[in-house]
Amino acid sequence: MAEKKETPRSEEIGLHNLKPKPGSKRPRKRIGRGEGSGLGKTSGRGHKGAGSRSGRKRKAGYEGGQNPIHMRMRKLRGPHKKQSMPFENFRTKTQPVNLADLEERFDSGAEVTLESLKEKGLATRKDPVKILARGEIKKKLAVHAHAFSAAAKEKIEAAGGSCHTLEP
């Protein structure tokens, strides 16, 4: 039987001898502690100007006097122009529901409405529902939704179901 070798406590690895990697810890900046420190006199704030004053706050979007991005961008007004303002969201908001989810959660011959989708945990938001064609469907379902992708409509009707478009 092999004997357990006694190792001195200094060679063991444990909480008593863990140290940070050499060079990974740096002392904090001690600002305003004399010229010899390198951060005395103006304390790293430079001479004069708003940046040297106490309580100064930088304006959001301020680029040091350079013409800021929101002024450099072209401004074609109107929501019908997708390129009008790059900061606006032009995406139409719909909730996607895939055919695979309908196949999994509904029985054959069921009527799929917004309420039944909500009960099954599919369309939980207030946004319009769009049925997408990911997955296969073999059950005959009567699906009521705000929109259908062309492939989804084709698959539902091929399985013997029907698609009913709702008004948003």
C-alpha atoms as a PDB file:
ATOM      1  CA  MET A   1       0.000   0.000   0.000  1.00  0.00           C
ATOM      2  CA  ALA A   2       1.368   3.412  -0.976  1.00  0.00           C
ATOM      3  CA  GLU A   3       1.992   5.746   1.887  1.00  0.00           C
ATOM      4  CA  LYS A   4       0.542   9.243   1.833  1.00  0.00           C
ATOM      5  CA  LYS A   5       3.408  11.702   1.662  1.00  0.00           C
ATOM      6  CA  GLU A   6       3.211  14.661   4.038  1.00  0.00           C
ATOM      7  CA  THR A   7       3.645  17.953   2.170  1.00  0.00           C
ATOM      8  CA  PRO A   8       4.520  21.152   3.975  1.00  0.00           C
ATOM      9  CA  ARG A   9       1.650  23.611   4.340  1.00  0.00           C
ATOM     10  CA  SER A  10       3.385  26.181   2.086  1.00  0.00           C
ATOM     11  CA  GLU A  11       3.232  23.804  -0.926  1.00  0.00           C
ATOM     12  CA  GLU A  12      -0.494  23.090  -0.590  1.00  0.00           C
ATOM     13  CA  ILE A  13      -2.973  24.994  -2.747  1.00  0.00           C
ATOM     14  CA  GLY A  14      -5.741  26.541  -0.703  1.00  0.00           C
ATOM     15  CA  LEU A  15      -7.379  29.791   0.299  1.00  0.00           C
ATOM     16  CA  HIS A  16      -4.468  30.547   2.643  1.00  0.00           C
ATOM     17  CA  ASN A  17      -1.964  30.949  -0.212  1.00  0.00           C
ATOM     18  CA  LEU A  18      -3.982  32.202  -3.233  1.00  0.00           C
ATOM     19  CA  LYS A  19      -2.634  35.425  -4.711  1.00  0.00           C
ATOM     20  CA  PRO A  20      -3.542  37.469  -7.789  1.00  0.00           C
ATOM     21  CA  LYS A  21      -1.339  37.010 -10.844  1.00  0.00           C
ATOM     22  CA  PRO A  22       1.732  39.270 -10.684  1.00  0.00           C
ATOM     23  CA  GLY A  23       1.042  42.546 -12.514  1.00  0.00           C
ATOM     24  CA  SER A  24      -2.756  42.117 -12.523  1.00  0.00           C
ATOM     25  CA  LYS A  25      -3.415  44.414  -9.547  1.00  0.00           C
ATOM     26  CA  ARG A  26      -2.531  48.081  -9.879  1.00  0.00           C
ATOM     27  CA  PRO A  27      -2.607  50.703  -7.163  1.00  0.00           C
ATOM     28  CA  ARG A  28      -5.480  53.211  -7.422  1.00  0.00           C
ATOM     29  CA  LYS A  29      -4.877  56.679  -8.895  1.00  0.00           C
ATOM     30  CA  ARG A  30      -4.178  59.145  -6.111  1.00  0.00           C
ATOM     31  CA  ILE A  31      -5.235  62.423  -7.690  1.00  0.00           C
ATOM     32  CA  GLY A  32      -4.086  65.800  -6.362  1.00  0.00           C
ATOM     33  CA  ARG A  33      -1.258  64.525  -4.141  1.00  0.00           C
ATOM     34  CA  GLY A  34       1.553  66.804  -5.341  1.00  0.00           C
ATOM     35  CA  GLU A  35       3.467  67.419  -8.547  1.00  0.00           C
ATOM     36  CA  GLY A  36       5.753  64.414  -8.127  1.00  0.00           C
ATOM     37  CA  SER A  37       2.805  62.008  -8.359  1.00  0.00           C
ATOM     38  CA  GLY A  38       2.130  62.968 -11.976  1.00  0.00           C
ATOM     39  CA  LEU A  39      -1.490  63.795 -11.123  1.00  0.00           C
ATOM     40  CA  GLY A  40      -0.975  66.900  -9.000  1.00  0.00           C
ATOM     41  CA  LYS A  41      -1.732  70.558  -9.804  1.00  0.00           C
ATOM     42  CA  THR A  42      -4.675  70.257 -12.225  1.00  0.00           C
ATOM     43  CA  SER A  43      -5.359  66.610 -11.194  1.00  0.00           C
ATOM     44  CA  GLY A  44      -5.527  65.285 -14.756  1.00  0.00           C
ATOM     45  CA  ARG A  45      -8.209  67.784 -15.826  1.00  0.00           C
ATOM     46  CA  GLY A  46      -6.043  70.022 -18.001  1.00  0.00           C
ATOM     47  CA  HIS A  47      -6.196  73.836 -18.038  1.00  0.00           C
ATOM     48  CA  LYS A  48      -9.424  75.864 -18.028  1.00  0.00           C
ATOM     49  CA  GLY A  49     -12.608  75.017 -19.934  1.00  0.00           C
ATOM     50  CA  ALA A  50     -15.781  73.232 -18.890  1.00  0.00           C
ATOM     51  CA  GLY A  51     -13.933  69.952 -18.331  1.00  0.00           C
ATOM     52  CA  SER A  52     -11.805  71.453 -15.589  1.00  0.00           C
ATOM     53  CA  ARG A  53     -14.724  72.888 -13.605  1.00  0.00           C
ATOM     54  CA  SER A  54     -16.465  71.054 -10.809  1.00  0.00           C
ATOM     55  CA  GLY A  55     -19.926  69.722 -11.553  1.00  0.00           C
ATOM     56  CA  ARG A  56     -19.451  69.698 -15.309  1.00  0.00           C
ATOM     57  CA  LYS A  57     -21.495  67.129 -17.200  1.00  0.00           C
ATOM     58  CA  ARG A  58     -20.888  66.065 -20.797  1.00  0.00           C
ATOM     59  CA  LYS A  59     -23.937  66.449 -23.015  1.00  0.00           C
ATOM     60  CA  ALA A  60     -25.293  63.162 -24.379  1.00  0.00           C
ATOM     61  CA  GLY A  61     -24.141  62.813 -27.977  1.00  0.00           C
ATOM     62  CA  TYR A  62     -21.475  65.529 -27.611  1.00  0.00           C
ATOM     63  CA  GLU A  63     -18.482  64.709 -29.792  1.00  0.00           C
ATOM     64  CA  GLY A  64     -15.939  67.262 -28.647  1.00  0.00           C
ATOM     65  CA  GLY A  65     -17.126  70.029 -30.958  1.00  0.00           C
ATOM     66  CA  GLN A  66     -17.147  67.779 -34.026  1.00  0.00           C
ATOM     67  CA  ASN A  67     -20.489  67.868 -35.824  1.00  0.00           C
ATOM     68  CA  PRO A  68     -22.457  65.112 -34.045  1.00  0.00           C
ATOM     69  CA  ILE A  69     -23.843  62.102 -35.884  1.00  0.00           C
ATOM     70  CA  HIS A  70     -27.487  63.136 -35.603  1.00  0.00           C
ATOM     71  CA  MET A  71     -26.643  66.371 -37.410  1.00  0.00           C
ATOM     72  CA  ARG A  72     -24.471  64.673 -40.039  1.00  0.00           C
ATOM     73  CA  MET A  73     -27.208  62.214 -41.070  1.00  0.00           C
ATOM     74  CA  ARG A  74     -29.608  63.159 -43.852  1.00  0.00           C
ATOM     75  CA  LYS A  75     -33.127  63.987 -42.749  1.00  0.00           C
ATOM     76  CA  LEU A  76     -35.736  62.804 -45.220  1.00  0.00           C
ATOM     77  CA  ARG A  77     -38.900  63.342 -43.255  1.00  0.00           C
ATOM     78  CA  GLY A  78     -41.925  61.106 -43.276  1.00  0.00           C
ATOM     79  CA  PRO A  79     -42.604  57.598 -42.005  1.00  0.00           C
ATOM     80  CA  HIS A  80     -43.104  56.245 -45.539  1.00  0.00           C
ATOM     81  CA  LYS A  81     -39.391  56.715 -46.242  1.00  0.00           C
ATOM     82  CA  LYS A  82     -37.526  53.790 -44.712  1.00  0.00           C
ATOM     83  CA  GLN A  83     -34.241  55.669 -45.025  1.00  0.00           C
ATOM     84  CA  SER A  84     -35.604  58.864 -43.441  1.00  0.00           C
ATOM     85  CA  MET A  85     -34.103  58.665 -39.966  1.00  0.00           C
ATOM     86  CA  PRO A  86     -31.832  55.742 -39.146  1.00  0.00           C
ATOM     87  CA  PHE A  87     -32.720  55.920 -35.454  1.00  0.00           C
ATOM     88  CA  GLU A  88     -36.397  55.060 -35.841  1.00  0.00           C
ATOM     89  CA  ASN A  89     -37.749  51.532 -35.771  1.00  0.00           C
ATOM     90  CA  PHE A  90     -39.554  50.694 -39.022  1.00  0.00           C
ATOM     91  CA  ARG A  91     -40.061  47.006 -38.318  1.00  0.00           C
ATOM     92  CA  THR A  92     -43.653  45.835 -38.391  1.00  0.00           C
ATOM     93  CA  LYS A  93     -44.450  44.150 -35.113  1.00  0.00           C
ATOM     94  CA  THR A  94     -46.003  40.715 -35.430  1.00  0.00           C
ATOM     95  CA  GLN A  95     -45.807  37.618 -33.274  1.00  0.00           C
ATOM     96  CA  PRO A  96     -44.568  34.619 -35.223  1.00  0.00           C
ATOM     97  CA  VAL A  97     -46.265  31.247 -34.664  1.00  0.00           C
ATOM     98  CA  ASN A  98     -44.820  28.259 -36.498  1.00  0.00           C
ATOM     99  CA  LEU A  99     -46.761  25.330 -37.955  1.00  0.00           C
ATOM    100  CA  ALA A 100     -44.675  22.934 -35.841  1.00  0.00           C
ATOM    101  CA  ASP A 101     -46.115  24.602 -32.696  1.00  0.00           C
ATOM    102  CA  LEU A 102     -49.683  24.240 -33.997  1.00  0.00           C
ATOM    103  CA  GLU A 103     -49.069  20.562 -34.839  1.00  0.00           C
ATOM    104  CA  GLU A 104     -47.672  19.941 -31.369  1.00  0.00           C
ATOM    105  CA  ARG A 105     -50.312  21.753 -29.288  1.00  0.00           C
ATOM    106  CA  PHE A 106     -53.638  21.326 -31.128  1.00  0.00           C
ATOM    107  CA  ASP A 107     -55.771  18.250 -31.868  1.00  0.00           C
ATOM    108  CA  SER A 108     -57.034  17.433 -35.351  1.00  0.00           C
ATOM    109  CA  GLY A 109     -60.205  19.358 -36.273  1.00  0.00           C
ATOM    110  CA  ALA A 110     -59.576  22.080 -33.662  1.00  0.00           C
ATOM    111  CA  GLU A 111     -60.266  25.749 -34.270  1.00  0.00           C
ATOM    112  CA  VAL A 112     -57.168  27.882 -33.683  1.00  0.00           C
ATOM    113  CA  THR A 113     -58.149  31.375 -32.495  1.00  0.00           C
ATOM    114  CA  LEU A 114     -56.191  34.138 -30.784  1.00  0.00           C
ATOM    115  CA  GLU A 115     -57.684  33.074 -27.419  1.00  0.00           C
ATOM    116  CA  SER A 116     -56.732  29.411 -27.905  1.00  0.00           C
ATOM    117  CA  LEU A 117     -53.200  30.437 -28.960  1.00  0.00           C
ATOM    118  CA  LYS A 118     -52.893  32.507 -25.778  1.00  0.00           C
ATOM    119  CA  GLU A 119     -54.118  29.573 -23.645  1.00  0.00           C
ATOM    120  CA  LYS A 120     -51.496  27.296 -25.204  1.00  0.00           C
ATOM    121  CA  GLY A 121     -48.780  29.912 -24.498  1.00  0.00           C
ATOM    122  CA  LEU A 122     -48.057  30.801 -28.125  1.00  0.00           C
ATOM    123  CA  ALA A 123     -49.306  34.336 -28.866  1.00  0.00           C
ATOM    124  CA  THR A 124     -48.981  36.067 -25.504  1.00  0.00           C
ATOM    125  CA  ARG A 125     -48.368  39.685 -26.627  1.00  0.00           C
ATOM    126  CA  LYS A 126     -50.960  42.136 -27.971  1.00  0.00           C
ATOM    127  CA  ASP A 127     -49.218  42.348 -31.376  1.00  0.00           C
ATOM    128  CA  PRO A 128     -50.829  40.830 -34.494  1.00  0.00           C
ATOM    129  CA  VAL A 129     -50.170  37.105 -35.059  1.00  0.00           C
ATOM    130  CA  LYS A 130     -48.532  35.768 -38.215  1.00  0.00           C
ATOM    131  CA  ILE A 131     -48.449  32.052 -39.001  1.00  0.00           C
ATOM    132  CA  LEU A 132     -45.112  30.944 -40.474  1.00  0.00           C
ATOM    133  CA  ALA A 133     -44.280  27.735 -42.330  1.00  0.00           C
ATOM    134  CA  ARG A 134     -41.495  26.277 -40.160  1.00  0.00           C
ATOM    135  CA  GLY A 135     -42.271  22.626 -39.515  1.00  0.00           C
ATOM    136  CA  GLU A 136     -44.839  20.257 -40.966  1.00  0.00           C
ATOM    137  CA  ILE A 137     -48.580  20.012 -40.293  1.00  0.00           C
ATOM    138  CA  LYS A 138     -50.686  16.914 -40.835  1.00  0.00           C
ATOM    139  CA  LYS A 139     -53.745  17.836 -38.762  1.00  0.00           C
ATOM    140  CA  LYS A 140     -56.830  19.507 -40.182  1.00  0.00           C
ATOM    141  CA  LEU A 141     -57.048  22.886 -38.412  1.00  0.00           C
ATOM    142  CA  ALA A 142     -59.172  26.002 -38.897  1.00  0.00           C
ATOM    143  CA  VAL A 143     -56.636  28.751 -38.216  1.00  0.00           C
ATOM    144  CA  HIS A 144     -57.644  32.377 -37.473  1.00  0.00           C
ATOM    145  CA  ALA A 145     -54.722  34.858 -37.552  1.00  0.00           C
ATOM    146  CA  HIS A 146     -53.854  38.359 -38.738  1.00  0.00           C
ATOM    147  CA  ALA A 147     -51.438  37.120 -41.429  1.00  0.00           C
ATOM    148  CA  PHE A 148     -50.100  33.951 -43.045  1.00  0.00           C
ATOM    149  CA  SER A 149     -46.932  33.360 -45.007  1.00  0.00           C
ATOM    150  CA  ALA A 150     -47.664  31.950 -48.464  1.00  0.00           C
ATOM    151  CA  ALA A 151     -45.938  28.643 -47.650  1.00  0.00           C
ATOM    152  CA  ALA A 152     -47.835  28.300 -44.344  1.00  0.00           C
ATOM    153  CA  LYS A 153     -51.178  28.896 -46.050  1.00  0.00           C
ATOM    154  CA  GLU A 154     -50.302  26.289 -48.679  1.00  0.00           C
ATOM    155  CA  LYS A 155     -49.307  23.674 -46.055  1.00  0.00           C
ATOM    156  CA  ILE A 156     -52.430  24.238 -43.907  1.00  0.00           C
ATOM    157  CA  GLU A 157     -54.730  23.917 -46.918  1.00  0.00           C
ATOM    158  CA  ALA A 158     -52.823  20.834 -48.181  1.00  0.00           C
ATOM    159  CA  ALA A 159     -53.494  19.168 -44.809  1.00  0.00           C
ATOM    160  CA  GLY A 160     -57.229  19.842 -45.249  1.00  0.00           C
ATOM    161  CA  GLY A 161     -57.399  22.879 -42.941  1.00  0.00           C
ATOM    162  CA  SER A 162     -58.506  26.432 -43.603  1.00  0.00           C
ATOM    163  CA  CYS A 163     -56.971  29.880 -43.123  1.00  0.00           C
ATOM    164  CA  HIS A 164     -59.048  32.846 -41.955  1.00  0.00           C
ATOM    165  CA  THR A 165     -57.424  36.300 -41.988  1.00  0.00           C
ATOM    166  CA  LEU A 166     -58.426  38.672 -39.162  1.00  0.00           C
ATOM    167  CA  GLU A 167     -58.446  42.476 -39.250  1.00  0.00           C
ATOM    168  CA  PRO A 168     -55.656  43.964 -37.092  1.00  0.00           C
END
